[in-house]
Amino acid sequence: MSNFGAHEWTGSAFALKDVQRKYQALRRHCEAVGRPYDSILRSYYTPLLVLAETQSAVEAKMSGIRLNPRERYMPFVGTPRAAVAHYQALIDAGAQYFLASVSGNDIETKRLLAEQVMLELRPR
């Protein structure tokens, strides 16, 4: 399994180009040792996922969340539509599974993820 993410502990894959570069390197390593690239499960970790119906609701929700300034990570914060675009681009780059940290009391993010994001994502 290969897991990258927008956190220093998961390869510092903060941008799509980082993920694309890492999957290209993984493909080259697989070719070098004669292992099929598709035999490696590929996942992506989002250290904090925050969703809301509108951008203004996202901003209001984020005003109550304090991020640890000592840790280097990139949360995903946005609307369901933005989340679909974000995760679909990662699927297109080669990700097969996603892990995400969601605040335990953020029922809205969990609901939007289940009802509006996950159902839209497909390998192409």
PDB file of N, CA and C in Angstrom:
ATOM      1  N   MET A   1       0.841  -1.180   0.000  1.00  0.00           N
ATOM      2  CA  MET A   1       0.000   0.000   0.000  1.00  0.00           C
ATOM      3  C   MET A   1       0.882   1.237   0.000  1.00  0.00           C
ATOM      4  N   SER A   2       0.412   2.247  -0.665  1.00  0.00           N
ATOM      5  CA  SER A   2       1.082   3.534  -0.720  1.00  0.00           C
ATOM      6  C   SER A   2       0.077   4.587  -0.271  1.00  0.00           C
ATOM      7  N   ASN A   3       0.434   5.344   0.733  1.00  0.00           N
ATOM      8  CA  ASN A   3      -0.463   6.382   1.246  1.00  0.00           C
ATOM      9  C   ASN A   3       0.269   7.716   1.252  1.00  0.00           C
ATOM     10  N   PHE A   4      -0.257   8.658   0.493  1.00  0.00           N
ATOM     11  CA  PHE A   4       0.265  10.016   0.493  1.00  0.00           C
ATOM     12  C   PHE A   4      -0.799  10.933   1.060  1.00  0.00           C
ATOM     13  N   GLY A   5      -0.374  12.117   1.469  1.00  0.00           N
ATOM     14  CA  GLY A   5      -1.353  13.063   1.967  1.00  0.00           C
ATOM     15  C   GLY A   5      -0.782  14.434   2.189  1.00  0.00           C
ATOM     16  N   ALA A   6      -1.674  15.332   2.540  1.00  0.00           N
ATOM     17  CA  ALA A   6      -1.337  16.736   2.736  1.00  0.00           C
ATOM     18  C   ALA A   6      -0.860  16.987   4.167  1.00  0.00           C
ATOM     19  N   HIS A   7       0.098  16.181   4.588  1.00  0.00           N
ATOM     20  CA  HIS A   7       0.677  16.292   5.930  1.00  0.00           C
ATOM     21  C   HIS A   7       2.129  15.858   5.837  1.00  0.00           C
ATOM     22  N   GLU A   8       2.957  16.436   6.660  1.00  0.00           N
ATOM     23  CA  GLU A   8       4.382  16.084   6.616  1.00  0.00           C
ATOM     24  C   GLU A   8       4.619  14.609   6.947  1.00  0.00           C
ATOM     25  N   TRP A   9       3.732  13.990   7.671  1.00  0.00           N
ATOM     26  CA  TRP A   9       3.900  12.575   8.023  1.00  0.00           C
ATOM     27  C   TRP A   9       3.476  11.644   6.895  1.00  0.00           C
ATOM     28  N   THR A  10       2.783  12.154   5.904  1.00  0.00           N
ATOM     29  CA  THR A  10       2.322  11.314   4.792  1.00  0.00           C
ATOM     30  C   THR A  10       2.900  11.797   3.459  1.00  0.00           C
ATOM     31  N   GLY A  11       4.146  12.188   3.477  1.00  0.00           N
ATOM     32  CA  GLY A  11       4.846  12.497   2.242  1.00  0.00           C
ATOM     33  C   GLY A  11       4.758  13.926   1.756  1.00  0.00           C
ATOM     34  N   SER A  12       4.131  14.800   2.515  1.00  0.00           N
ATOM     35  CA  SER A  12       4.029  16.216   2.129  1.00  0.00           C
ATOM     36  C   SER A  12       3.469  16.401   0.720  1.00  0.00           C
ATOM     37  N   ALA A  13       2.445  15.621   0.394  1.00  0.00           N
ATOM     38  CA  ALA A  13       1.781  15.750  -0.906  1.00  0.00           C
ATOM     39  C   ALA A  13       0.680  16.801  -0.765  1.00  0.00           C
ATOM     40  N   PHE A  14       1.096  18.046  -0.721  1.00  0.00           N
ATOM     41  CA  PHE A  14       0.179  19.148  -0.446  1.00  0.00           C
ATOM     42  C   PHE A  14      -0.639  19.563  -1.666  1.00  0.00           C
ATOM     43  N   ALA A  15      -0.112  19.359  -2.849  1.00  0.00           N
ATOM     44  CA  ALA A  15      -0.789  19.789  -4.074  1.00  0.00           C
ATOM     45  C   ALA A  15      -0.946  18.596  -5.021  1.00  0.00           C
ATOM     46  N   LEU A  16      -1.841  18.732  -5.964  1.00  0.00           N
ATOM     47  CA  LEU A  16      -2.073  17.671  -6.932  1.00  0.00           C
ATOM     48  C   LEU A  16      -0.784  17.296  -7.659  1.00  0.00           C
ATOM     49  N   LYS A  17       0.035  18.296  -7.986  1.00  0.00           N
ATOM     50  CA  LYS A  17       1.285  17.994  -8.694  1.00  0.00           C
ATOM     51  C   LYS A  17       2.213  17.130  -7.842  1.00  0.00           C
ATOM     52  N   ASP A  18       2.160  17.275  -6.512  1.00  0.00           N
ATOM     53  CA  ASP A  18       2.952  16.413  -5.625  1.00  0.00           C
ATOM     54  C   ASP A  18       2.483  14.965  -5.721  1.00  0.00           C
ATOM     55  N   VAL A  19       1.170  14.778  -5.726  1.00  0.00           N
ATOM     56  CA  VAL A  19       0.597  13.432  -5.819  1.00  0.00           C
ATOM     57  C   VAL A  19       0.947  12.816  -7.168  1.00  0.00           C
ATOM     58  N   GLN A  20       0.802  13.569  -8.230  1.00  0.00           N
ATOM     59  CA  GLN A  20       1.127  13.062  -9.560  1.00  0.00           C
ATOM     60  C   GLN A  20       2.595  12.648  -9.641  1.00  0.00           C
ATOM     61  N   ARG A  21       3.476  13.473  -9.100  1.00  0.00           N
ATOM     62  CA  ARG A  21       4.909  13.176  -9.114  1.00  0.00           C
ATOM     63  C   ARG A  21       5.213  11.917  -8.310  1.00  0.00           C
ATOM     64  N   LYS A  22       4.576  11.759  -7.163  1.00  0.00           N
ATOM     65  CA  LYS A  22       4.817  10.592  -6.312  1.00  0.00           C
ATOM     66  C   LYS A  22       4.294   9.306  -6.966  1.00  0.00           C
ATOM     67  N   TYR A  23       3.140   9.380  -7.611  1.00  0.00           N
ATOM     68  CA  TYR A  23       2.625   8.188  -8.293  1.00  0.00           C
ATOM     69  C   TYR A  23       3.486   7.840  -9.510  1.00  0.00           C
ATOM     70  N   GLN A  24       4.030   8.834 -10.186  1.00  0.00           N
ATOM     71  CA  GLN A  24       4.944   8.559 -11.295  1.00  0.00           C
ATOM     72  C   GLN A  24       6.209   7.867 -10.783  1.00  0.00           C
ATOM     73  N   ALA A  25       6.729   8.337  -9.639  1.00  0.00           N
ATOM     74  CA  ALA A  25       7.908   7.696  -9.046  1.00  0.00           C
ATOM     75  C   ALA A  25       7.570   6.267  -8.615  1.00  0.00           C
ATOM     76  N   LEU A  26       6.404   6.064  -8.036  1.00  0.00           N
ATOM     77  CA  LEU A  26       5.982   4.720  -7.635  1.00  0.00           C
ATOM     78  C   LEU A  26       5.908   3.811  -8.859  1.00  0.00           C
ATOM     79  N   ARG A  27       5.360   4.319  -9.935  1.00  0.00           N
ATOM     80  CA  ARG A  27       5.267   3.529 -11.176  1.00  0.00           C
ATOM     81  C   ARG A  27       6.664   3.134 -11.661  1.00  0.00           C
ATOM     82  N   ARG A  28       7.604   4.073 -11.642  1.00  0.00           N
ATOM     83  CA  ARG A  28       8.982   3.771 -12.079  1.00  0.00           C
ATOM     84  C   ARG A  28       9.629   2.716 -11.173  1.00  0.00           C
ATOM     85  N   HIS A  29       9.404   2.836  -9.860  1.00  0.00           N
ATOM     86  CA  HIS A  29       9.968   1.843  -8.931  1.00  0.00           C
ATOM     87  C   HIS A  29       9.370   0.465  -9.197  1.00  0.00           C
ATOM     88  N   CYS A  30       8.086   0.420  -9.449  1.00  0.00           N
ATOM     89  CA  CYS A  30       7.436  -0.861  -9.748  1.00  0.00           C
ATOM     90  C   CYS A  30       8.027  -1.474 -11.016  1.00  0.00           C
ATOM     91  N   GLU A  31       8.203  -0.655 -12.038  1.00  0.00           N
ATOM     92  CA  GLU A  31       8.789  -1.158 -13.283  1.00  0.00           C
ATOM     93  C   GLU A  31      10.201  -1.683 -13.052  1.00  0.00           C
ATOM     94  N   ALA A  32      10.970  -0.974 -12.214  1.00  0.00           N
ATOM     95  CA  ALA A  32      12.360  -1.367 -11.962  1.00  0.00           C
ATOM     96  C   ALA A  32      12.470  -2.728 -11.267  1.00  0.00           C
ATOM     97  N   VAL A  33      11.493  -3.052 -10.432  1.00  0.00           N
ATOM     98  CA  VAL A  33      11.554  -4.340  -9.706  1.00  0.00           C
ATOM     99  C   VAL A  33      10.611  -5.381 -10.299  1.00  0.00           C
ATOM    100  N   GLY A  34       9.933  -5.035 -11.388  1.00  0.00           N
ATOM    101  CA  GLY A  34       9.056  -5.997 -12.052  1.00  0.00           C
ATOM    102  C   GLY A  34       7.745  -6.262 -11.329  1.00  0.00           C
ATOM    103  N   ARG A  35       7.285  -5.283 -10.582  1.00  0.00           N
ATOM    104  CA  ARG A  35       6.007  -5.438  -9.876  1.00  0.00           C
ATOM    105  C   ARG A  35       4.935  -4.627 -10.593  1.00  0.00           C
ATOM    106  N   PRO A  36       3.763  -5.195 -10.787  1.00  0.00           N
ATOM    107  CA  PRO A  36       2.693  -4.419 -11.428  1.00  0.00           C
ATOM    108  C   PRO A  36       2.278  -3.220 -10.560  1.00  0.00           C
ATOM    109  N   TYR A  37       2.240  -2.070 -11.175  1.00  0.00           N
ATOM    110  CA  TYR A  37       1.827  -0.845 -10.471  1.00  0.00           C
ATOM    111  C   TYR A  37       0.444  -1.023  -9.852  1.00  0.00           C
ATOM    112  N   ASP A  38      -0.459  -1.675 -10.574  1.00  0.00           N
ATOM    113  CA  ASP A  38      -1.825  -1.847 -10.081  1.00  0.00           C
ATOM    114  C   ASP A  38      -1.934  -2.828  -8.919  1.00  0.00           C
ATOM    115  N   SER A  39      -0.840  -3.503  -8.574  1.00  0.00           N
ATOM    116  CA  SER A  39      -0.874  -4.391  -7.411  1.00  0.00           C
ATOM    117  C   SER A  39      -0.679  -3.621  -6.105  1.00  0.00           C
ATOM    118  N   ILE A  40      -0.412  -2.319  -6.203  1.00  0.00           N
ATOM    119  CA  ILE A  40      -0.209  -1.482  -5.023  1.00  0.00           C
ATOM    120  C   ILE A  40      -1.481  -0.675  -4.771  1.00  0.00           C
ATOM    121  N   LEU A  41      -2.056  -0.848  -3.608  1.00  0.00           N
ATOM    122  CA  LEU A  41      -3.219  -0.057  -3.206  1.00  0.00           C
ATOM    123  C   LEU A  41      -2.745   1.366  -2.940  1.00  0.00           C
ATOM    124  N   ARG A  42      -3.429   2.350  -3.528  1.00  0.00           N
ATOM    125  CA  ARG A  42      -2.994   3.740  -3.418  1.00  0.00           C
ATOM    126  C   ARG A  42      -4.068   4.577  -2.717  1.00  0.00           C
ATOM    127  N   SER A  43      -3.685   5.178  -1.606  1.00  0.00           N
ATOM    128  CA  SER A  43      -4.640   5.989  -0.851  1.00  0.00           C
ATOM    129  C   SER A  43      -4.082   7.394  -0.641  1.00  0.00           C
ATOM    130  N   TYR A  44      -4.998   8.288  -0.263  1.00  0.00           N
ATOM    131  CA  TYR A  44      -4.647   9.686  -0.004  1.00  0.00           C
ATOM    132  C   TYR A  44      -5.303  10.114   1.307  1.00  0.00           C
ATOM    133  N   TYR A  45      -4.519  10.779   2.139  1.00  0.00           N
ATOM    134  CA  TYR A  45      -4.975  11.193   3.474  1.00  0.00           C
ATOM    135  C   TYR A  45      -5.205  12.697   3.528  1.00  0.00           C
ATOM    136  N   THR A  46      -6.378  13.090   3.999  1.00  0.00           N
ATOM    137  CA  THR A  46      -6.692  14.497   4.248  1.00  0.00           C
ATOM    138  C   THR A  46      -6.710  14.689   5.767  1.00  0.00           C
ATOM    139  N   PRO A  47      -5.751  15.448   6.319  1.00  0.00           N
ATOM    140  CA  PRO A  47      -5.650  15.568   7.781  1.00  0.00           C
ATOM    141  C   PRO A  47      -6.844  16.255   8.443  1.00  0.00           C
ATOM    142  N   LEU A  48      -7.563  17.075   7.714  1.00  0.00           N
ATOM    143  CA  LEU A  48      -8.778  17.696   8.248  1.00  0.00           C
ATOM    144  C   LEU A  48      -9.684  18.019   7.075  1.00  0.00           C
ATOM    145  N   LEU A  49     -10.901  17.529   7.147  1.00  0.00           N
ATOM    146  CA  LEU A  49     -11.897  17.780   6.110  1.00  0.00           C
ATOM    147  C   LEU A  49     -13.035  18.571   6.738  1.00  0.00           C
ATOM    148  N   VAL A  50     -13.339  19.716   6.137  1.00  0.00           N
ATOM    149  CA  VAL A  50     -14.431  20.573   6.619  1.00  0.00           C
ATOM    150  C   VAL A  50     -15.281  20.953   5.416  1.00  0.00           C
ATOM    151  N   LEU A  51     -16.553  20.573   5.459  1.00  0.00           N
ATOM    152  CA  LEU A  51     -17.480  20.893   4.375  1.00  0.00           C
ATOM    153  C   LEU A  51     -18.668  21.679   4.910  1.00  0.00           C
ATOM    154  N   ALA A  52     -19.211  22.531   4.045  1.00  0.00           N
ATOM    155  CA  ALA A  52     -20.458  23.242   4.333  1.00  0.00           C
ATOM    156  C   ALA A  52     -21.133  23.532   3.002  1.00  0.00           C
ATOM    157  N   GLU A  53     -22.420  23.830   3.050  1.00  0.00           N
ATOM    158  CA  GLU A  53     -23.220  24.023   1.835  1.00  0.00           C
ATOM    159  C   GLU A  53     -22.761  25.205   0.981  1.00  0.00           C
ATOM    160  N   THR A  54     -22.321  26.296   1.620  1.00  0.00           N
ATOM    161  CA  THR A  54     -21.912  27.495   0.886  1.00  0.00           C
ATOM    162  C   THR A  54     -20.534  27.940   1.368  1.00  0.00           C
ATOM    163  N   GLN A  55     -19.888  28.764   0.567  1.00  0.00           N
ATOM    164  CA  GLN A  55     -18.567  29.263   0.950  1.00  0.00           C
ATOM    165  C   GLN A  55     -18.644  30.112   2.213  1.00  0.00           C
ATOM    166  N   SER A  56     -19.698  30.900   2.361  1.00  0.00           N
ATOM    167  CA  SER A  56     -19.813  31.719   3.581  1.00  0.00           C
ATOM    168  C   SER A  56     -20.018  30.833   4.808  1.00  0.00           C
ATOM    169  N   ALA A  57     -20.741  29.732   4.662  1.00  0.00           N
ATOM    170  CA  ALA A  57     -20.911  28.796   5.778  1.00  0.00           C
ATOM    171  C   ALA A  57     -19.600  28.095   6.107  1.00  0.00           C
ATOM    172  N   VAL A  58     -18.790  27.813   5.086  1.00  0.00           N
ATOM    173  CA  VAL A  58     -17.461  27.232   5.305  1.00  0.00           C
ATOM    174  C   VAL A  58     -16.611  28.193   6.127  1.00  0.00           C
ATOM    175  N   GLU A  59     -16.611  29.455   5.724  1.00  0.00           N
ATOM    176  CA  GLU A  59     -15.815  30.463   6.432  1.00  0.00           C
ATOM    177  C   GLU A  59     -16.276  30.618   7.876  1.00  0.00           C
ATOM    178  N   ALA A  60     -17.566  30.599   8.101  1.00  0.00           N
ATOM    179  CA  ALA A  60     -18.089  30.707   9.470  1.00  0.00           C
ATOM    180  C   ALA A  60     -17.661  29.493  10.295  1.00  0.00           C
ATOM    181  N   LYS A  61     -17.721  28.320   9.702  1.00  0.00           N
ATOM    182  CA  LYS A  61     -17.324  27.113  10.422  1.00  0.00           C
ATOM    183  C   LYS A  61     -15.836  27.149  10.759  1.00  0.00           C
ATOM    184  N   MET A  62     -15.015  27.604   9.824  1.00  0.00           N
ATOM    185  CA  MET A  62     -13.565  27.654  10.050  1.00  0.00           C
ATOM    186  C   MET A  62     -13.183  28.686  11.100  1.00  0.00           C
ATOM    187  N   SER A  63     -14.010  29.683  11.297  1.00  0.00           N
ATOM    188  CA  SER A  63     -13.680  30.698  12.308  1.00  0.00           C
ATOM    189  C   SER A  63     -13.665  30.096  13.713  1.00  0.00           C
ATOM    190  N   GLY A  64     -14.327  28.965  13.885  1.00  0.00           N
ATOM    191  CA  GLY A  64     -14.340  28.306  15.196  1.00  0.00           C
ATOM    192  C   GLY A  64     -13.333  27.175  15.330  1.00  0.00           C
ATOM    193  N   ILE A  65     -12.519  26.949  14.297  1.00  0.00           N
ATOM    194  CA  ILE A  65     -11.537  25.855  14.334  1.00  0.00           C
ATOM    195  C   ILE A  65     -10.141  26.448  14.426  1.00  0.00           C
ATOM    196  N   ARG A  66      -9.401  25.974  15.414  1.00  0.00           N
ATOM    197  CA  ARG A  66      -8.017  26.429  15.564  1.00  0.00           C
ATOM    198  C   ARG A  66      -7.087  25.330  15.063  1.00  0.00           C
ATOM    199  N   LEU A  67      -6.223  25.688  14.120  1.00  0.00           N
ATOM    200  CA  LEU A  67      -5.246  24.746  13.588  1.00  0.00           C
ATOM    201  C   LEU A  67      -3.950  24.869  14.387  1.00  0.00           C
ATOM    202  N   ASN A  68      -3.260  23.765  14.545  1.00  0.00           N
ATOM    203  CA  ASN A  68      -1.994  23.762  15.268  1.00  0.00           C
ATOM    204  C   ASN A  68      -0.923  24.379  14.376  1.00  0.00           C
ATOM    205  N   PRO A  69      -0.376  25.544  14.747  1.00  0.00           N
ATOM    206  CA  PRO A  69       0.594  26.210  13.875  1.00  0.00           C
ATOM    207  C   PRO A  69       1.942  25.479  13.804  1.00  0.00           C
ATOM    208  N   ARG A  70       2.202  24.550  14.715  1.00  0.00           N
ATOM    209  CA  ARG A  70       3.476  23.820  14.686  1.00  0.00           C
ATOM    210  C   ARG A  70       3.459  22.655  13.710  1.00  0.00           C
ATOM    211  N   GLU A  71       2.286  22.204  13.338  1.00  0.00           N
ATOM    212  CA  GLU A  71       2.191  21.096  12.395  1.00  0.00           C
ATOM    213  C   GLU A  71       2.051  21.640  10.985  1.00  0.00           C
ATOM    214  N   ARG A  72       2.695  20.960  10.064  1.00  0.00           N
ATOM    215  CA  ARG A  72       2.606  21.374   8.670  1.00  0.00           C
ATOM    216  C   ARG A  72       1.651  20.446   7.944  1.00  0.00           C
ATOM    217  N   TYR A  73       0.441  20.899   7.730  1.00  0.00           N
ATOM    218  CA  TYR A  73      -0.531  20.116   6.982  1.00  0.00           C
ATOM    219  C   TYR A  73      -1.524  21.047   6.316  1.00  0.00           C
ATOM    220  N   MET A  74      -2.214  20.486   5.336  1.00  0.00           N
ATOM    221  CA  MET A  74      -3.169  21.272   4.567  1.00  0.00           C
ATOM    222  C   MET A  74      -4.549  20.641   4.692  1.00  0.00           C
ATOM    223  N   PRO A  75      -5.461  21.294   5.391  1.00  0.00           N
ATOM    224  CA  PRO A  75      -6.827  20.756   5.452  1.00  0.00           C
ATOM    225  C   PRO A  75      -7.530  20.975   4.120  1.00  0.00           C
ATOM    226  N   PHE A  76      -8.580  20.211   3.884  1.00  0.00           N
ATOM    227  CA  PHE A  76      -9.459  20.531   2.757  1.00  0.00           C
ATOM    228  C   PHE A  76     -10.691  21.185   3.345  1.00  0.00           C
ATOM    229  N   VAL A  77     -10.953  22.394   2.913  1.00  0.00           N
ATOM    230  CA  VAL A  77     -12.069  23.186   3.424  1.00  0.00           C
ATOM    231  C   VAL A  77     -12.841  23.707   2.219  1.00  0.00           C
ATOM    232  N   GLY A  78     -14.132  23.381   2.139  1.00  0.00           N
ATOM    233  CA  GLY A  78     -14.886  23.879   1.006  1.00  0.00           C
ATOM    234  C   GLY A  78     -16.294  23.338   0.940  1.00  0.00           C
ATOM    235  N   THR A  79     -16.911  23.551  -0.204  1.00  0.00           N
ATOM    236  CA  THR A  79     -18.272  23.084  -0.452  1.00  0.00           C
ATOM    237  C   THR A  79     -18.197  21.657  -1.015  1.00  0.00           C
ATOM    238  N   PRO A  80     -19.308  20.940  -1.026  1.00  0.00           N
ATOM    239  CA  PRO A  80     -19.310  19.607  -1.630  1.00  0.00           C
ATOM    240  C   PRO A  80     -18.847  19.617  -3.087  1.00  0.00           C
ATOM    241  N   ARG A  81     -19.270  20.601  -3.845  1.00  0.00           N
ATOM    242  CA  ARG A  81     -18.855  20.686  -5.253  1.00  0.00           C
ATOM    243  C   ARG A  81     -17.330  20.801  -5.362  1.00  0.00           C
ATOM    244  N   ALA A  82     -16.730  21.628  -4.532  1.00  0.00           N
ATOM    245  CA  ALA A  82     -15.266  21.766  -4.533  1.00  0.00           C
ATOM    246  C   ALA A  82     -14.600  20.465  -4.095  1.00  0.00           C
ATOM    247  N   ALA A  83     -15.202  19.772  -3.133  1.00  0.00           N
ATOM    248  CA  ALA A  83     -14.646  18.504  -2.664  1.00  0.00           C
ATOM    249  C   ALA A  83     -14.686  17.450  -3.759  1.00  0.00           C
ATOM    250  N   VAL A  84     -15.768  17.398  -4.521  1.00  0.00           N
ATOM    251  CA  VAL A  84     -15.860  16.448  -5.635  1.00  0.00           C
ATOM    252  C   VAL A  84     -14.736  16.729  -6.632  1.00  0.00           C
ATOM    253  N   ALA A  85     -14.535  17.978  -6.988  1.00  0.00           N
ATOM    254  CA  ALA A  85     -13.474  18.333  -7.939  1.00  0.00           C
ATOM    255  C   ALA A  85     -12.102  17.956  -7.380  1.00  0.00           C
ATOM    256  N   HIS A  86     -11.869  18.230  -6.111  1.00  0.00           N
ATOM    257  CA  HIS A  86     -10.588  17.929  -5.453  1.00  0.00           C
ATOM    258  C   HIS A  86     -10.309  16.428  -5.457  1.00  0.00           C
ATOM    259  N   TYR A  87     -11.265  15.651  -4.983  1.00  0.00           N
ATOM    260  CA  TYR A  87     -11.050  14.207  -4.878  1.00  0.00           C
ATOM    261  C   TYR A  87     -11.076  13.522  -6.243  1.00  0.00           C
ATOM    262  N   GLN A  88     -11.865  14.026  -7.184  1.00  0.00           N
ATOM    263  CA  GLN A  88     -11.862  13.433  -8.521  1.00  0.00           C
ATOM    264  C   GLN A  88     -10.510  13.630  -9.186  1.00  0.00           C
ATOM    265  N   ALA A  89      -9.895  14.781  -8.994  1.00  0.00           N
ATOM    266  CA  ALA A  89      -8.561  15.020  -9.552  1.00  0.00           C
ATOM    267  C   ALA A  89      -7.549  14.043  -8.959  1.00  0.00           C
ATOM    268  N   LEU A  90      -7.679  13.724  -7.678  1.00  0.00           N
ATOM    269  CA  LEU A  90      -6.794  12.747  -7.047  1.00  0.00           C
ATOM    270  C   LEU A  90      -7.047  11.347  -7.590  1.00  0.00           C
ATOM    271  N   ILE A  91      -8.306  11.008  -7.844  1.00  0.00           N
ATOM    272  CA  ILE A  91      -8.632   9.721  -8.473  1.00  0.00           C
ATOM    273  C   ILE A  91      -7.998   9.666  -9.863  1.00  0.00           C
ATOM    274  N   ASP A  92      -8.136  10.738 -10.618  1.00  0.00           N
ATOM    275  CA  ASP A  92      -7.569  10.790 -11.966  1.00  0.00           C
ATOM    276  C   ASP A  92      -6.047  10.656 -11.935  1.00  0.00           C
ATOM    277  N   ALA A  93      -5.424  11.109 -10.846  1.00  0.00           N
ATOM    278  CA  ALA A  93      -3.970  10.995 -10.698  1.00  0.00           C
ATOM    279  C   ALA A  93      -3.546   9.584 -10.294  1.00  0.00           C
ATOM    280  N   GLY A  94      -4.484   8.780  -9.751  1.00  0.00           N
ATOM    281  CA  GLY A  94      -4.142   7.413  -9.387  1.00  0.00           C
ATOM    282  C   GLY A  94      -4.592   6.954  -8.017  1.00  0.00           C
ATOM    283  N   ALA A  95      -5.156   7.843  -7.205  1.00  0.00           N
ATOM    284  CA  ALA A  95      -5.627   7.441  -5.874  1.00  0.00           C
ATOM    285  C   ALA A  95      -6.850   6.540  -6.006  1.00  0.00           C
ATOM    286  N   GLN A  96      -6.907   5.522  -5.149  1.00  0.00           N
ATOM    287  CA  GLN A  96      -8.028   4.589  -5.168  1.00  0.00           C
ATOM    288  C   GLN A  96      -8.909   4.697  -3.923  1.00  0.00           C
ATOM    289  N   TYR A  97      -8.318   5.093  -2.815  1.00  0.00           N
ATOM    290  CA  TYR A  97      -9.034   5.195  -1.542  1.00  0.00           C
ATOM    291  C   TYR A  97      -8.646   6.490  -0.851  1.00  0.00           C
ATOM    292  N   PHE A  98      -9.525   6.936   0.036  1.00  0.00           N
ATOM    293  CA  PHE A  98      -9.267   8.167   0.766  1.00  0.00           C
ATOM    294  C   PHE A  98      -9.471   7.950   2.252  1.00  0.00           C
ATOM    295  N   LEU A  99      -8.624   8.604   3.024  1.00  0.00           N
ATOM    296  CA  LEU A  99      -8.753   8.669   4.469  1.00  0.00           C
ATOM    297  C   LEU A  99      -8.889  10.144   4.802  1.00  0.00           C
ATOM    298  N   ALA A 100      -9.755  10.472   5.733  1.00  0.00           N
ATOM    299  CA  ALA A 100      -9.929  11.877   6.099  1.00  0.00           C
ATOM    300  C   ALA A 100     -10.258  11.978   7.579  1.00  0.00           C
ATOM    301  N   SER A 101      -9.679  12.972   8.212  1.00  0.00           N
ATOM    302  CA  SER A 101     -10.030  13.273   9.594  1.00  0.00           C
ATOM    303  C   SER A 101     -11.144  14.310   9.578  1.00  0.00           C
ATOM    304  N   VAL A 102     -12.212  13.997  10.278  1.00  0.00           N
ATOM    305  CA  VAL A 102     -13.345  14.910  10.405  1.00  0.00           C
ATOM    306  C   VAL A 102     -13.579  15.095  11.894  1.00  0.00           C
ATOM    307  N   SER A 103     -13.766  16.325  12.305  1.00  0.00           N
ATOM    308  CA  SER A 103     -14.044  16.591  13.712  1.00  0.00           C
ATOM    309  C   SER A 103     -15.251  15.771  14.159  1.00  0.00           C
ATOM    310  N   GLY A 104     -15.141  15.136  15.306  1.00  0.00           N
ATOM    311  CA  GLY A 104     -16.195  14.252  15.799  1.00  0.00           C
ATOM    312  C   GLY A 104     -17.564  14.884  15.906  1.00  0.00           C
ATOM    313  N   ASN A 105     -17.621  16.176  16.165  1.00  0.00           N
ATOM    314  CA  ASN A 105     -18.926  16.827  16.316  1.00  0.00           C
ATOM    315  C   ASN A 105     -19.390  17.547  15.045  1.00  0.00           C
ATOM    316  N   ASP A 106     -18.667  17.368  13.938  1.00  0.00           N
ATOM    317  CA  ASP A 106     -19.032  18.030  12.694  1.00  0.00           C
ATOM    318  C   ASP A 106     -19.928  17.094  11.864  1.00  0.00           C
ATOM    319  N   ILE A 107     -21.157  16.976  12.290  1.00  0.00           N
ATOM    320  CA  ILE A 107     -22.125  16.107  11.627  1.00  0.00           C
ATOM    321  C   ILE A 107     -22.405  16.592  10.203  1.00  0.00           C
ATOM    322  N   GLU A 108     -22.400  17.894   9.991  1.00  0.00           N
ATOM    323  CA  GLU A 108     -22.680  18.439   8.661  1.00  0.00           C
ATOM    324  C   GLU A 108     -21.656  17.940   7.642  1.00  0.00           C
ATOM    325  N   THR A 109     -20.367  17.988   7.992  1.00  0.00           N
ATOM    326  CA  THR A 109     -19.337  17.511   7.066  1.00  0.00           C
ATOM    327  C   THR A 109     -19.544  16.037   6.755  1.00  0.00           C
ATOM    328  N   LYS A 110     -19.825  15.233   7.752  1.00  0.00           N
ATOM    329  CA  LYS A 110     -20.051  13.799   7.533  1.00  0.00           C
ATOM    330  C   LYS A 110     -21.250  13.563   6.625  1.00  0.00           C
ATOM    331  N   ARG A 111     -22.320  14.307   6.841  1.00  0.00           N
ATOM    332  CA  ARG A 111     -23.524  14.164   6.021  1.00  0.00           C
ATOM    333  C   ARG A 111     -23.258  14.575   4.574  1.00  0.00           C
ATOM    334  N   LEU A 112     -22.618  15.723   4.385  1.00  0.00           N
ATOM    335  CA  LEU A 112     -22.333  16.201   3.033  1.00  0.00           C
ATOM    336  C   LEU A 112     -21.371  15.262   2.306  1.00  0.00           C
ATOM    337  N   LEU A 113     -20.404  14.743   3.028  1.00  0.00           N
ATOM    338  CA  LEU A 113     -19.467  13.795   2.434  1.00  0.00           C
ATOM    339  C   LEU A 113     -20.213  12.563   1.928  1.00  0.00           C
ATOM    340  N   ALA A 114     -21.109  12.026   2.749  1.00  0.00           N
ATOM    341  CA  ALA A 114     -21.859  10.814   2.383  1.00  0.00           C
ATOM    342  C   ALA A 114     -22.897  11.083   1.299  1.00  0.00           C
ATOM    343  N   GLU A 115     -23.603  12.187   1.395  1.00  0.00           N
ATOM    344  CA  GLU A 115     -24.734  12.434   0.500  1.00  0.00           C
ATOM    345  C   GLU A 115     -24.370  13.132  -0.804  1.00  0.00           C
ATOM    346  N   GLN A 116     -23.321  13.970  -0.789  1.00  0.00           N
ATOM    347  CA  GLN A 116     -23.054  14.782  -1.974  1.00  0.00           C
ATOM    348  C   GLN A 116     -21.673  14.583  -2.588  1.00  0.00           C
ATOM    349  N   VAL A 117     -20.743  14.007  -1.852  1.00  0.00           N
ATOM    350  CA  VAL A 117     -19.386  13.863  -2.387  1.00  0.00           C
ATOM    351  C   VAL A 117     -19.106  12.431  -2.809  1.00  0.00           C
ATOM    352  N   MET A 118     -19.222  11.510  -1.896  1.00  0.00           N
ATOM    353  CA  MET A 118     -18.829  10.127  -2.184  1.00  0.00           C
ATOM    354  C   MET A 118     -19.586   9.534  -3.367  1.00  0.00           C
ATOM    355  N   LEU A 119     -20.839   9.853  -3.489  1.00  0.00           N
ATOM    356  CA  LEU A 119     -21.659   9.291  -4.564  1.00  0.00           C
ATOM    357  C   LEU A 119     -21.256   9.781  -5.952  1.00  0.00           C
ATOM    358  N   GLU A 120     -20.535  10.895  -6.012  1.00  0.00           N
ATOM    359  CA  GLU A 120     -20.147  11.478  -7.297  1.00  0.00           C
ATOM    360  C   GLU A 120     -18.799  11.006  -7.806  1.00  0.00           C
ATOM    361  N   LEU A 121     -17.986  10.411  -6.952  1.00  0.00           N
ATOM    362  CA  LEU A 121     -16.612  10.065  -7.330  1.00  0.00           C
ATOM    363  C   LEU A 121     -16.544   8.733  -8.052  1.00  0.00           C
ATOM    364  N   ARG A 122     -15.827   8.720  -9.181  1.00  0.00           N
ATOM    365  CA  ARG A 122     -15.694   7.512  -9.997  1.00  0.00           C
ATOM    366  C   ARG A 122     -14.334   7.480 -10.681  1.00  0.00           C
ATOM    367  N   PRO A 123     -13.746   6.292 -10.806  1.00  0.00           N
ATOM    368  CA  PRO A 123     -12.556   6.177 -11.671  1.00  0.00           C
ATOM    369  C   PRO A 123     -12.973   6.413 -13.123  1.00  0.00           C
ATOM    370  N   ARG A 124     -12.133   7.063 -13.878  1.00  0.00           N
ATOM    371  CA  ARG A 124     -12.452   7.307 -15.299  1.00  0.00           C
ATOM    372  C   ARG A 124     -11.478   6.590 -16.189  1.00  0.00           C
TER     373      ARG A 124
END
